[in-house]
Amino acid sequence: MSLRKMTFKLAVALTVAGLAAPGAMAQSGDLMLYTSQPDKKAAKTVEAFREVYPDVKVTIFRSGTVEVMSKLAAEFAGGGSPADVLLIADAANMESLKAGGKLYAYTDFDTSGYRAGVIDDGKTYFGTKLITTGIAFNTKAAERPTSWAELMGDKYKGQIAMPSPLYSGAAALMLSTIVARDDLGWKFYETLANNGAVAVRGNGAVLKSVAGGEKSYGIIVDFMALNEKKKGAPIDFVFPKEGVPAVTEPVAIIASTGNLEAAKAFVDFLMSDKGQKLAVAQGFIPAKEGMKNPDWLPEGTPIKLMPIDTNAVLANGANDKKRFAEIFGG
């Protein structure tokens, strides 16, 4: 083989290698992640990200969403935050940051192929998964509810447990979503309270109550009930026909980031096929269409999402919680 041919082939090989993963090769440096993900899931998320972007060193600050938001607010008030990317439970808090000009608009992100409503129209935050809230029931229960409205019936008196929106972010989102609907509204919660429904601290307490037979029905996030069903517990779950509210665990880039390219790479990863497969492996419904469901959710299961006005949730959330506390007791 001539030297000229060898040189040409080597040049082509190097070019192809460079094109194989340009983003992974270009991104490096430090990245500060603020997140409300549980410790193990957050660690796995970062581990998977660094498999693709090994030259990015990620530092994690992890706490509950309320604590993360409080830390950010204090840092912004003090002149700036070291956070580069944010991964928290709900979009309402992202809307608050967006309104304050604290989020970067990733305008060249391609939003095609994702479920409706999971990505902010301004491309400042991106839902990474769906965590819906529906109805769980003990398999020995007399009724098999198919709608939220049914829970207001006399047959369900004294048999319903729900997470309190004073403690659960998903429950708070559901509260503001339900009360804004003409077909349900505050009547839904007032009727449940009058019929003896109990508001417990969180989804875990609801799961224990329904799976253990203390209560026949529960309002709960999807994966908790269906994972327990998969383990053989006497529990099942339905997505009510009116629709379900969904927490999307959005990711966003902080506008003041000191490493924009690495921050973009983090968003790209979570929204990529590999990142979405990670969400599924962790037991969540993916935000991207065409992906397989988690193993607890049969393929083809119809899921109707309730439209959520995040600005209204942000504006009314505190008052909604106050009224809920008056109805159920805080």
C-alpha atoms as a PDB file:
ATOM      1  CA  MET A   1       0.000   0.000   0.000  1.00  0.00           C
ATOM      2  CA  SER A   2       1.390   3.440  -0.906  1.00  0.00           C
ATOM      3  CA  LEU A   3       2.199   6.035   1.744  1.00  0.00           C
ATOM      4  CA  ARG A   4      -0.405   8.341   0.158  1.00  0.00           C
ATOM      5  CA  LYS A   5      -3.162   5.722   0.528  1.00  0.00           C
ATOM      6  CA  MET A   6      -2.140   4.943   4.099  1.00  0.00           C
ATOM      7  CA  THR A   7      -2.189   8.643   4.981  1.00  0.00           C
ATOM      8  CA  PHE A   8      -5.632   9.087   3.409  1.00  0.00           C
ATOM      9  CA  LYS A   9      -7.089   6.071   5.250  1.00  0.00           C
ATOM     10  CA  LEU A  10      -5.653   7.275   8.549  1.00  0.00           C
ATOM     11  CA  ALA A  11      -7.140  10.726   7.996  1.00  0.00           C
ATOM     12  CA  VAL A  12     -10.568   9.219   7.267  1.00  0.00           C
ATOM     13  CA  ALA A  13     -10.378   7.000  10.354  1.00  0.00           C
ATOM     14  CA  LEU A  14      -9.490   9.939  12.580  1.00  0.00           C
ATOM     15  CA  THR A  15     -12.288  12.014  11.084  1.00  0.00           C
ATOM     16  CA  VAL A  16     -14.861   9.264  11.681  1.00  0.00           C
ATOM     17  CA  ALA A  17     -13.617   8.794  15.227  1.00  0.00           C
ATOM     18  CA  GLY A  18     -13.976  12.513  15.819  1.00  0.00           C
ATOM     19  CA  LEU A  19     -17.521  12.497  14.476  1.00  0.00           C
ATOM     20  CA  ALA A  20     -18.571   9.504  16.570  1.00  0.00           C
ATOM     21  CA  ALA A  21     -19.130  11.426  19.770  1.00  0.00           C
ATOM     22  CA  PRO A  22     -18.255  15.110  19.317  1.00  0.00           C
ATOM     23  CA  GLY A  23     -20.205  16.225  22.378  1.00  0.00           C
ATOM     24  CA  ALA A  24     -18.595  13.669  24.644  1.00  0.00           C
ATOM     25  CA  MET A  25     -15.120  14.707  23.503  1.00  0.00           C
ATOM     26  CA  ALA A  26     -15.790  18.451  23.798  1.00  0.00           C
ATOM     27  CA  GLN A  27     -17.323  18.617  27.276  1.00  0.00           C
ATOM     28  CA  SER A  28     -15.078  18.858  30.312  1.00  0.00           C
ATOM     29  CA  GLY A  29     -14.606  20.710  33.572  1.00  0.00           C
ATOM     30  CA  ASP A  30     -16.693  20.987  36.714  1.00  0.00           C
ATOM     31  CA  LEU A  31     -20.485  20.802  36.922  1.00  0.00           C
ATOM     32  CA  MET A  32     -22.553  21.505  40.030  1.00  0.00           C
ATOM     33  CA  LEU A  33     -25.880  19.663  40.160  1.00  0.00           C
ATOM     34  CA  TYR A  34     -28.634  20.645  42.588  1.00  0.00           C
ATOM     35  CA  THR A  35     -31.261  17.908  42.804  1.00  0.00           C
ATOM     36  CA  SER A  36     -34.112  16.505  44.843  1.00  0.00           C
ATOM     37  CA  GLN A  37     -33.604  12.979  43.501  1.00  0.00           C
ATOM     38  CA  PRO A  38     -33.057  10.338  46.214  1.00  0.00           C
ATOM     39  CA  ASP A  39     -29.376   9.726  46.921  1.00  0.00           C
ATOM     40  CA  LYS A  40     -29.058   6.412  45.083  1.00  0.00           C
ATOM     41  CA  LYS A  41     -30.923   7.617  42.001  1.00  0.00           C
ATOM     42  CA  ALA A  42     -28.919  10.848  41.890  1.00  0.00           C
ATOM     43  CA  ALA A  43     -25.662   8.897  42.115  1.00  0.00           C
ATOM     44  CA  LYS A  44     -26.782   6.559  39.323  1.00  0.00           C
ATOM     45  CA  THR A  45     -27.821   9.500  37.155  1.00  0.00           C
ATOM     46  CA  VAL A  46     -24.394  11.091  37.491  1.00  0.00           C
ATOM     47  CA  GLU A  47     -22.619   7.766  36.957  1.00  0.00           C
ATOM     48  CA  ALA A  48     -24.535   7.164  33.718  1.00  0.00           C
ATOM     49  CA  PHE A  49     -23.883  10.729  32.539  1.00  0.00           C
ATOM     50  CA  ARG A  50     -20.138  10.382  33.127  1.00  0.00           C
ATOM     51  CA  GLU A  51     -20.051   7.170  31.111  1.00  0.00           C
ATOM     52  CA  VAL A  52     -20.863   9.395  28.126  1.00  0.00           C
ATOM     53  CA  TYR A  53     -19.019  12.525  29.311  1.00  0.00           C
ATOM     54  CA  PRO A  54     -16.080  11.193  31.366  1.00  0.00           C
ATOM     55  CA  ASP A  55     -14.209  14.507  31.417  1.00  0.00           C
ATOM     56  CA  VAL A  56     -16.990  16.307  33.290  1.00  0.00           C
ATOM     57  CA  LYS A  57     -16.597  16.217  37.072  1.00  0.00           C
ATOM     58  CA  VAL A  58     -20.016  16.435  38.749  1.00  0.00           C
ATOM     59  CA  THR A  59     -20.593  17.628  42.299  1.00  0.00           C
ATOM     60  CA  ILE A  60     -24.037  17.018  43.818  1.00  0.00           C
ATOM     61  CA  PHE A  61     -26.059  18.977  46.323  1.00  0.00           C
ATOM     62  CA  ARG A  62     -29.071  16.834  47.215  1.00  0.00           C
ATOM     63  CA  SER A  63     -32.050  17.632  49.404  1.00  0.00           C
ATOM     64  CA  GLY A  64     -35.836  17.909  49.186  1.00  0.00           C
ATOM     65  CA  THR A  65     -37.268  20.292  46.610  1.00  0.00           C
ATOM     66  CA  VAL A  66     -38.255  22.843  49.261  1.00  0.00           C
ATOM     67  CA  GLU A  67     -34.740  22.853  50.709  1.00  0.00           C
ATOM     68  CA  VAL A  68     -33.117  23.042  47.261  1.00  0.00           C
ATOM     69  CA  MET A  69     -35.283  26.010  46.308  1.00  0.00           C
ATOM     70  CA  SER A  70     -34.580  27.744  49.624  1.00  0.00           C
ATOM     71  CA  LYS A  71     -30.837  27.299  49.124  1.00  0.00           C
ATOM     72  CA  LEU A  72     -31.035  28.721  45.607  1.00  0.00           C
ATOM     73  CA  ALA A  73     -33.088  31.702  46.780  1.00  0.00           C
ATOM     74  CA  ALA A  74     -30.576  32.500  49.514  1.00  0.00           C
ATOM     75  CA  GLU A  75     -27.663  32.187  47.099  1.00  0.00           C
ATOM     76  CA  PHE A  76     -29.297  34.370  44.469  1.00  0.00           C
ATOM     77  CA  ALA A  77     -30.062  36.974  47.128  1.00  0.00           C
ATOM     78  CA  GLY A  78     -26.428  36.845  48.191  1.00  0.00           C
ATOM     79  CA  GLY A  79     -25.100  37.526  44.718  1.00  0.00           C
ATOM     80  CA  GLY A  80     -25.146  34.203  42.885  1.00  0.00           C
ATOM     81  CA  SER A  81     -25.337  30.429  43.060  1.00  0.00           C
ATOM     82  CA  PRO A  82     -22.642  27.882  42.204  1.00  0.00           C
ATOM     83  CA  ALA A  83     -25.320  25.629  40.680  1.00  0.00           C
ATOM     84  CA  ASP A  84     -25.000  24.832  36.981  1.00  0.00           C
ATOM     85  CA  VAL A  85     -27.942  22.473  36.514  1.00  0.00           C
ATOM     86  CA  LEU A  86     -31.093  21.798  38.484  1.00  0.00           C
ATOM     87  CA  LEU A  87     -33.102  18.546  38.597  1.00  0.00           C
ATOM     88  CA  ILE A  88     -36.168  18.755  40.850  1.00  0.00           C
ATOM     89  CA  ALA A  89     -39.622  17.235  41.187  1.00  0.00           C
ATOM     90  CA  ASP A  90     -42.015  19.728  39.636  1.00  0.00           C
ATOM     91  CA  ALA A  91     -42.443  22.351  36.944  1.00  0.00           C
ATOM     92  CA  ALA A  92     -44.107  24.967  39.178  1.00  0.00           C
ATOM     93  CA  ASN A  93     -40.826  25.734  40.925  1.00  0.00           C
ATOM     94  CA  MET A  94     -39.125  25.930  37.543  1.00  0.00           C
ATOM     95  CA  GLU A  95     -41.728  28.489  36.467  1.00  0.00           C
ATOM     96  CA  SER A  96     -40.829  30.578  39.501  1.00  0.00           C
ATOM     97  CA  LEU A  97     -37.155  30.533  38.551  1.00  0.00           C
ATOM     98  CA  LYS A  98     -37.989  31.221  34.918  1.00  0.00           C
ATOM     99  CA  ALA A  99     -40.068  34.257  35.893  1.00  0.00           C
ATOM    100  CA  GLY A 100     -37.100  35.566  37.852  1.00  0.00           C
ATOM    101  CA  GLY A 101     -34.762  35.179  34.893  1.00  0.00           C
ATOM    102  CA  LYS A 102     -32.721  32.480  36.618  1.00  0.00           C
ATOM    103  CA  LEU A 103     -32.954  29.803  33.909  1.00  0.00           C
ATOM    104  CA  TYR A 104     -31.078  29.569  30.621  1.00  0.00           C
ATOM    105  CA  ALA A 105     -33.179  29.204  27.467  1.00  0.00           C
ATOM    106  CA  TYR A 106     -31.692  26.259  25.573  1.00  0.00           C
ATOM    107  CA  THR A 107     -33.282  27.409  22.323  1.00  0.00           C
ATOM    108  CA  ASP A 108     -31.480  25.040  19.966  1.00  0.00           C
ATOM    109  CA  PHE A 109     -32.684  21.912  21.792  1.00  0.00           C
ATOM    110  CA  ASP A 110     -34.758  19.690  19.469  1.00  0.00           C
ATOM    111  CA  THR A 111     -38.100  19.071  21.193  1.00  0.00           C
ATOM    112  CA  SER A 112     -39.538  16.665  18.624  1.00  0.00           C
ATOM    113  CA  GLY A 113     -40.487  13.188  19.829  1.00  0.00           C
ATOM    114  CA  TYR A 114     -41.448  14.044  23.409  1.00  0.00           C
ATOM    115  CA  ARG A 115     -44.818  13.777  25.124  1.00  0.00           C
ATOM    116  CA  ALA A 116     -46.996  16.871  24.945  1.00  0.00           C
ATOM    117  CA  GLY A 117     -46.527  19.283  27.805  1.00  0.00           C
ATOM    118  CA  VAL A 118     -43.298  17.923  29.276  1.00  0.00           C
ATOM    119  CA  ILE A 119     -41.037  20.625  27.827  1.00  0.00           C
ATOM    120  CA  ASP A 120     -41.390  24.332  28.573  1.00  0.00           C
ATOM    121  CA  ASP A 121     -42.395  26.326  25.498  1.00  0.00           C
ATOM    122  CA  GLY A 122     -39.486  28.660  26.158  1.00  0.00           C
ATOM    123  CA  LYS A 123     -37.084  25.703  26.441  1.00  0.00           C
ATOM    124  CA  THR A 124     -35.916  26.717  29.907  1.00  0.00           C
ATOM    125  CA  TYR A 125     -36.802  23.399  31.556  1.00  0.00           C
ATOM    126  CA  PHE A 126     -37.323  19.867  30.288  1.00  0.00           C
ATOM    127  CA  GLY A 127     -39.437  17.127  31.873  1.00  0.00           C
ATOM    128  CA  THR A 128     -37.344  13.970  32.112  1.00  0.00           C
ATOM    129  CA  LYS A 129     -40.074  11.477  33.051  1.00  0.00           C
ATOM    130  CA  LEU A 130     -43.696  11.115  34.135  1.00  0.00           C
ATOM    131  CA  ILE A 131     -44.769  10.343  37.690  1.00  0.00           C
ATOM    132  CA  THR A 132     -48.546  10.266  37.644  1.00  0.00           C
ATOM    133  CA  THR A 133     -51.034  10.132  40.501  1.00  0.00           C
ATOM    134  CA  GLY A 134     -54.015   7.783  40.280  1.00  0.00           C
ATOM    135  CA  ILE A 135     -56.135   5.438  42.369  1.00  0.00           C
ATOM    136  CA  ALA A 136     -54.863   2.317  44.119  1.00  0.00           C
ATOM    137  CA  PHE A 137     -57.177  -0.284  45.603  1.00  0.00           C
ATOM    138  CA  ASN A 138     -56.813  -3.413  47.669  1.00  0.00           C
ATOM    139  CA  THR A 139     -57.715  -6.437  45.552  1.00  0.00           C
ATOM    140  CA  LYS A 140     -60.229  -7.495  48.220  1.00  0.00           C
ATOM    141  CA  ALA A 141     -62.090  -4.191  47.903  1.00  0.00           C
ATOM    142  CA  ALA A 142     -65.712  -4.342  46.799  1.00  0.00           C
ATOM    143  CA  GLU A 143     -65.362  -1.653  44.134  1.00  0.00           C
ATOM    144  CA  ARG A 144     -63.037  -1.094  41.177  1.00  0.00           C
ATOM    145  CA  PRO A 145     -63.112   2.680  40.641  1.00  0.00           C
ATOM    146  CA  THR A 146     -62.379   4.029  37.170  1.00  0.00           C
ATOM    147  CA  SER A 147     -62.755   7.758  37.804  1.00  0.00           C
ATOM    148  CA  TRP A 148     -61.978  10.433  40.367  1.00  0.00           C
ATOM    149  CA  ALA A 149     -65.662  11.321  40.576  1.00  0.00           C
ATOM    150  CA  GLU A 150     -66.544   7.825  41.779  1.00  0.00           C
ATOM    151  CA  LEU A 151     -64.525   8.364  44.948  1.00  0.00           C
ATOM    152  CA  MET A 152     -67.133  10.889  46.085  1.00  0.00           C
ATOM    153  CA  GLY A 153     -69.758   8.130  46.253  1.00  0.00           C
ATOM    154  CA  ASP A 154     -71.184   6.685  49.464  1.00  0.00           C
ATOM    155  CA  LYS A 155     -69.599   3.287  48.711  1.00  0.00           C
ATOM    156  CA  TYR A 156     -66.179   4.755  49.487  1.00  0.00           C
ATOM    157  CA  LYS A 157     -67.014   6.334  52.851  1.00  0.00           C
ATOM    158  CA  GLY A 158     -64.263   5.869  55.395  1.00  0.00           C
ATOM    159  CA  GLN A 159     -62.180   3.800  52.981  1.00  0.00           C
ATOM    160  CA  ILE A 160     -59.850   6.319  51.311  1.00  0.00           C
ATOM    161  CA  ALA A 161     -56.320   7.406  52.218  1.00  0.00           C
ATOM    162  CA  MET A 162     -54.424  10.139  50.402  1.00  0.00           C
ATOM    163  CA  PRO A 163     -51.064  11.897  50.768  1.00  0.00           C
ATOM    164  CA  SER A 164     -51.267  15.378  52.232  1.00  0.00           C
ATOM    165  CA  PRO A 165     -50.278  18.188  49.855  1.00  0.00           C
ATOM    166  CA  LEU A 166     -48.707  19.852  52.875  1.00  0.00           C
ATOM    167  CA  TYR A 167     -45.928  17.226  52.665  1.00  0.00           C
ATOM    168  CA  SER A 168     -46.063  15.653  49.185  1.00  0.00           C
ATOM    169  CA  GLY A 169     -45.100  17.632  46.088  1.00  0.00           C
ATOM    170  CA  ALA A 170     -47.083  15.306  43.822  1.00  0.00           C
ATOM    171  CA  ALA A 171     -50.135  15.690  46.062  1.00  0.00           C
ATOM    172  CA  ALA A 172     -49.755  19.479  46.023  1.00  0.00           C
ATOM    173  CA  LEU A 173     -49.684  19.463  42.228  1.00  0.00           C
ATOM    174  CA  MET A 174     -52.769  17.248  42.146  1.00  0.00           C
ATOM    175  CA  LEU A 175     -54.587  19.545  44.573  1.00  0.00           C
ATOM    176  CA  SER A 176     -54.091  22.675  42.480  1.00  0.00           C
ATOM    177  CA  THR A 177     -54.927  20.757  39.301  1.00  0.00           C
ATOM    178  CA  ILE A 178     -58.124  19.147  40.611  1.00  0.00           C
ATOM    179  CA  VAL A 179     -59.577  22.257  42.264  1.00  0.00           C
ATOM    180  CA  ALA A 180     -59.164  24.222  39.022  1.00  0.00           C
ATOM    181  CA  ARG A 181     -61.419  21.784  37.144  1.00  0.00           C
ATOM    182  CA  ASP A 182     -65.129  22.487  36.706  1.00  0.00           C
ATOM    183  CA  ASP A 183     -66.044  18.790  36.936  1.00  0.00           C
ATOM    184  CA  LEU A 184     -64.266  18.188  40.256  1.00  0.00           C
ATOM    185  CA  GLY A 185     -63.112  21.383  41.954  1.00  0.00           C
ATOM    186  CA  TRP A 186     -63.135  21.878  45.712  1.00  0.00           C
ATOM    187  CA  LYS A 187     -66.250  19.719  45.875  1.00  0.00           C
ATOM    188  CA  PHE A 188     -63.996  16.689  45.353  1.00  0.00           C
ATOM    189  CA  TYR A 189     -61.914  17.341  48.471  1.00  0.00           C
ATOM    190  CA  GLU A 190     -64.805  18.590  50.586  1.00  0.00           C
ATOM    191  CA  THR A 191     -66.847  15.477  49.794  1.00  0.00           C
ATOM    192  CA  LEU A 192     -63.939  13.162  50.545  1.00  0.00           C
ATOM    193  CA  ALA A 193     -63.356  14.885  53.873  1.00  0.00           C
ATOM    194  CA  ASN A 194     -67.038  14.691  54.785  1.00  0.00           C
ATOM    195  CA  ASN A 195     -66.990  10.991  53.890  1.00  0.00           C
ATOM    196  CA  GLY A 196     -64.117  10.251  56.252  1.00  0.00           C
ATOM    197  CA  ALA A 197     -61.135  10.148  53.887  1.00  0.00           C
ATOM    198  CA  VAL A 198     -57.829  10.619  55.699  1.00  0.00           C
ATOM    199  CA  ALA A 199     -54.838  12.685  54.601  1.00  0.00           C
ATOM    200  CA  VAL A 200     -51.589  11.033  55.681  1.00  0.00           C
ATOM    201  CA  ARG A 201     -48.062  12.383  55.513  1.00  0.00           C
ATOM    202  CA  GLY A 202     -46.915  10.872  52.211  1.00  0.00           C
ATOM    203  CA  ASN A 203     -47.361   8.288  49.459  1.00  0.00           C
ATOM    204  CA  GLY A 204     -45.515   5.633  51.446  1.00  0.00           C
ATOM    205  CA  ALA A 205     -48.109   5.790  54.197  1.00  0.00           C
ATOM    206  CA  VAL A 206     -50.900   5.450  51.619  1.00  0.00           C
ATOM    207  CA  LEU A 207     -49.215   2.378  50.142  1.00  0.00           C
ATOM    208  CA  LYS A 208     -48.867   0.739  53.536  1.00  0.00           C
ATOM    209  CA  SER A 209     -52.493   1.464  54.392  1.00  0.00           C
ATOM    210  CA  VAL A 210     -53.960   0.060  51.155  1.00  0.00           C
ATOM    211  CA  ALA A 211     -51.624  -2.921  50.704  1.00  0.00           C
ATOM    212  CA  GLY A 212     -52.120  -3.802  54.371  1.00  0.00           C
ATOM    213  CA  GLY A 213     -55.900  -3.631  54.131  1.00  0.00           C
ATOM    214  CA  GLU A 214     -56.366  -0.785  56.608  1.00  0.00           C
ATOM    215  CA  LYS A 215     -57.972   1.238  53.813  1.00  0.00           C
ATOM    216  CA  SER A 216     -59.467  -0.162  50.625  1.00  0.00           C
ATOM    217  CA  TYR A 217     -58.564   2.752  48.358  1.00  0.00           C
ATOM    218  CA  GLY A 218     -55.738   5.231  48.071  1.00  0.00           C
ATOM    219  CA  ILE A 219     -54.646   8.198  46.010  1.00  0.00           C
ATOM    220  CA  ILE A 220     -51.002   7.515  45.198  1.00  0.00           C
ATOM    221  CA  VAL A 221     -48.208   7.873  42.643  1.00  0.00           C
ATOM    222  CA  ASP A 222     -48.219   5.173  39.986  1.00  0.00           C
ATOM    223  CA  PHE A 223     -44.886   3.406  40.430  1.00  0.00           C
ATOM    224  CA  MET A 224     -45.289   2.833  44.162  1.00  0.00           C
ATOM    225  CA  ALA A 225     -48.550   0.937  43.804  1.00  0.00           C
ATOM    226  CA  LEU A 226     -47.619  -0.989  40.671  1.00  0.00           C
ATOM    227  CA  ASN A 227     -44.163  -1.971  41.908  1.00  0.00           C
ATOM    228  CA  GLU A 228     -45.837  -3.350  45.031  1.00  0.00           C
ATOM    229  CA  LYS A 229     -48.338  -5.227  42.858  1.00  0.00           C
ATOM    230  CA  LYS A 230     -45.445  -6.748  40.922  1.00  0.00           C
ATOM    231  CA  LYS A 231     -44.003  -8.012  44.213  1.00  0.00           C
ATOM    232  CA  GLY A 232     -47.251  -9.877  44.885  1.00  0.00           C
ATOM    233  CA  ALA A 233     -48.985  -7.464  47.248  1.00  0.00           C
ATOM    234  CA  PRO A 234     -52.827  -7.414  47.150  1.00  0.00           C
ATOM    235  CA  ILE A 235     -52.966  -4.030  45.432  1.00  0.00           C
ATOM    236  CA  ASP A 236     -53.847  -2.716  41.986  1.00  0.00           C
ATOM    237  CA  PHE A 237     -53.901   0.687  40.335  1.00  0.00           C
ATOM    238  CA  VAL A 238     -55.997   2.578  37.790  1.00  0.00           C
ATOM    239  CA  PHE A 239     -55.414   5.709  35.742  1.00  0.00           C
ATOM    240  CA  PRO A 240     -58.771   7.544  36.160  1.00  0.00           C
ATOM    241  CA  LYS A 241     -60.650   8.335  32.967  1.00  0.00           C
ATOM    242  CA  GLU A 242     -60.715  12.096  33.627  1.00  0.00           C
ATOM    243  CA  GLY A 243     -56.931  12.006  33.407  1.00  0.00           C
ATOM    244  CA  VAL A 244     -54.030  12.059  35.836  1.00  0.00           C
ATOM    245  CA  PRO A 245     -51.764  14.873  37.022  1.00  0.00           C
ATOM    246  CA  ALA A 246     -48.102  14.201  36.354  1.00  0.00           C
ATOM    247  CA  VAL A 247     -44.897  15.379  37.979  1.00  0.00           C
ATOM    248  CA  THR A 248     -42.211  15.489  35.268  1.00  0.00           C
ATOM    249  CA  GLU A 249     -38.984  15.894  37.299  1.00  0.00           C
ATOM    250  CA  PRO A 250     -37.660  18.631  35.006  1.00  0.00           C
ATOM    251  CA  VAL A 251     -34.042  19.523  34.420  1.00  0.00           C
ATOM    252  CA  ALA A 252     -32.858  23.076  33.751  1.00  0.00           C
ATOM    253  CA  ILE A 253     -29.686  25.054  33.232  1.00  0.00           C
ATOM    254  CA  ILE A 254     -29.052  27.895  35.671  1.00  0.00           C
ATOM    255  CA  ALA A 255     -28.564  31.107  33.671  1.00  0.00           C
ATOM    256  CA  SER A 256     -25.380  31.998  35.558  1.00  0.00           C
ATOM    257  CA  THR A 257     -23.694  28.641  34.919  1.00  0.00           C
ATOM    258  CA  GLY A 258     -19.953  28.736  34.624  1.00  0.00           C
ATOM    259  CA  ASN A 259     -19.861  25.725  32.300  1.00  0.00           C
ATOM    260  CA  LEU A 260     -22.619  26.114  29.741  1.00  0.00           C
ATOM    261  CA  GLU A 261     -21.436  23.379  27.391  1.00  0.00           C
ATOM    262  CA  ALA A 262     -21.278  20.768  30.148  1.00  0.00           C
ATOM    263  CA  ALA A 263     -24.675  21.934  31.430  1.00  0.00           C
ATOM    264  CA  LYS A 264     -26.165  21.501  27.956  1.00  0.00           C
ATOM    265  CA  ALA A 265     -24.585  18.051  27.787  1.00  0.00           C
ATOM    266  CA  PHE A 266     -26.312  17.110  31.048  1.00  0.00           C
ATOM    267  CA  VAL A 267     -29.700  18.121  29.637  1.00  0.00           C
ATOM    268  CA  ASP A 268     -28.929  16.367  26.355  1.00  0.00           C
ATOM    269  CA  PHE A 269     -28.060  13.167  28.194  1.00  0.00           C
ATOM    270  CA  LEU A 270     -31.198  13.034  30.351  1.00  0.00           C
ATOM    271  CA  MET A 271     -33.408  13.650  27.324  1.00  0.00           C
ATOM    272  CA  SER A 272     -31.522  11.235  25.039  1.00  0.00           C
ATOM    273  CA  ASP A 273     -32.512   7.628  24.420  1.00  0.00           C
ATOM    274  CA  LYS A 274     -29.850   6.509  26.889  1.00  0.00           C
ATOM    275  CA  GLY A 275     -31.055   8.935  29.533  1.00  0.00           C
ATOM    276  CA  GLN A 276     -34.664   7.934  28.978  1.00  0.00           C
ATOM    277  CA  LYS A 277     -33.743   4.254  29.262  1.00  0.00           C
ATOM    278  CA  LEU A 278     -32.144   5.116  32.600  1.00  0.00           C
ATOM    279  CA  ALA A 279     -35.440   6.674  33.732  1.00  0.00           C
ATOM    280  CA  VAL A 280     -37.272   3.500  32.704  1.00  0.00           C
ATOM    281  CA  ALA A 281     -34.706   1.314  34.485  1.00  0.00           C
ATOM    282  CA  GLN A 282     -35.294   3.394  37.618  1.00  0.00           C
ATOM    283  CA  GLY A 283     -39.000   2.591  37.345  1.00  0.00           C
ATOM    284  CA  PHE A 284     -40.444   5.698  35.689  1.00  0.00           C
ATOM    285  CA  ILE A 285     -42.557   6.390  32.612  1.00  0.00           C
ATOM    286  CA  PRO A 286     -40.292   8.034  29.999  1.00  0.00           C
ATOM    287  CA  ALA A 287     -40.861  11.567  28.719  1.00  0.00           C
ATOM    288  CA  LYS A 288     -39.831  10.534  25.224  1.00  0.00           C
ATOM    289  CA  GLU A 289     -42.328   8.808  22.977  1.00  0.00           C
ATOM    290  CA  GLY A 290     -41.560   5.421  21.478  1.00  0.00           C
ATOM    291  CA  MET A 291     -39.607   4.162  24.484  1.00  0.00           C
ATOM    292  CA  LYS A 292     -40.524   0.987  26.361  1.00  0.00           C
ATOM    293  CA  ASN A 293     -42.504   1.332  29.567  1.00  0.00           C
ATOM    294  CA  PRO A 294     -41.079   0.317  32.953  1.00  0.00           C
ATOM    295  CA  ASP A 295     -41.732  -3.347  33.700  1.00  0.00           C
ATOM    296  CA  TRP A 296     -44.637  -2.575  36.047  1.00  0.00           C
ATOM    297  CA  LEU A 297     -46.619  -0.889  33.258  1.00  0.00           C
ATOM    298  CA  PRO A 298     -47.962  -3.096  30.431  1.00  0.00           C
ATOM    299  CA  GLU A 299     -47.278  -1.749  26.953  1.00  0.00           C
ATOM    300  CA  GLY A 300     -50.305  -0.023  25.461  1.00  0.00           C
ATOM    301  CA  THR A 301     -51.773   1.047  28.811  1.00  0.00           C
ATOM    302  CA  PRO A 302     -53.801   4.197  28.066  1.00  0.00           C
ATOM    303  CA  ILE A 303     -52.713   7.188  30.137  1.00  0.00           C
ATOM    304  CA  LYS A 304     -54.556  10.476  29.759  1.00  0.00           C
ATOM    305  CA  LEU A 305     -52.681  13.416  31.242  1.00  0.00           C
ATOM    306  CA  MET A 306     -54.563  16.281  32.841  1.00  0.00           C
ATOM    307  CA  PRO A 307     -53.568  19.674  31.455  1.00  0.00           C
ATOM    308  CA  ILE A 308     -51.702  21.601  34.136  1.00  0.00           C
ATOM    309  CA  ASP A 309     -51.377  25.384  34.239  1.00  0.00           C
ATOM    310  CA  THR A 310     -48.052  25.686  36.047  1.00  0.00           C
ATOM    311  CA  ASN A 311     -48.405  29.452  36.389  1.00  0.00           C
ATOM    312  CA  ALA A 312     -51.751  28.973  38.129  1.00  0.00           C
ATOM    313  CA  VAL A 313     -50.262  26.292  40.368  1.00  0.00           C
ATOM    314  CA  LEU A 314     -47.486  28.696  41.286  1.00  0.00           C
ATOM    315  CA  ALA A 315     -49.891  31.564  41.927  1.00  0.00           C
ATOM    316  CA  ASN A 316     -52.518  29.593  43.853  1.00  0.00           C
ATOM    317  CA  GLY A 317     -50.540  26.796  45.494  1.00  0.00           C
ATOM    318  CA  ALA A 318     -50.091  28.404  48.906  1.00  0.00           C
ATOM    319  CA  ASN A 319     -53.760  29.351  49.205  1.00  0.00           C
ATOM    320  CA  ASP A 320     -54.824  25.912  47.967  1.00  0.00           C
ATOM    321  CA  LYS A 321     -52.767  24.244  50.701  1.00  0.00           C
ATOM    322  CA  LYS A 322     -54.205  26.577  53.312  1.00  0.00           C
ATOM    323  CA  ARG A 323     -57.763  25.730  52.304  1.00  0.00           C
ATOM    324  CA  PHE A 324     -56.936  22.011  52.204  1.00  0.00           C
ATOM    325  CA  ALA A 325     -55.612  22.259  55.766  1.00  0.00           C
ATOM    326  CA  GLU A 326     -58.848  23.922  56.831  1.00  0.00           C
ATOM    327  CA  ILE A 327     -60.855  21.072  55.288  1.00  0.00           C
ATOM    328  CA  PHE A 328     -58.766  18.124  56.487  1.00  0.00           C
ATOM    329  CA  GLY A 329     -56.893  19.656  59.392  1.00  0.00           C
ATOM    330  CA  GLY A 330     -53.255  20.622  59.144  1.00  0.00           C
END
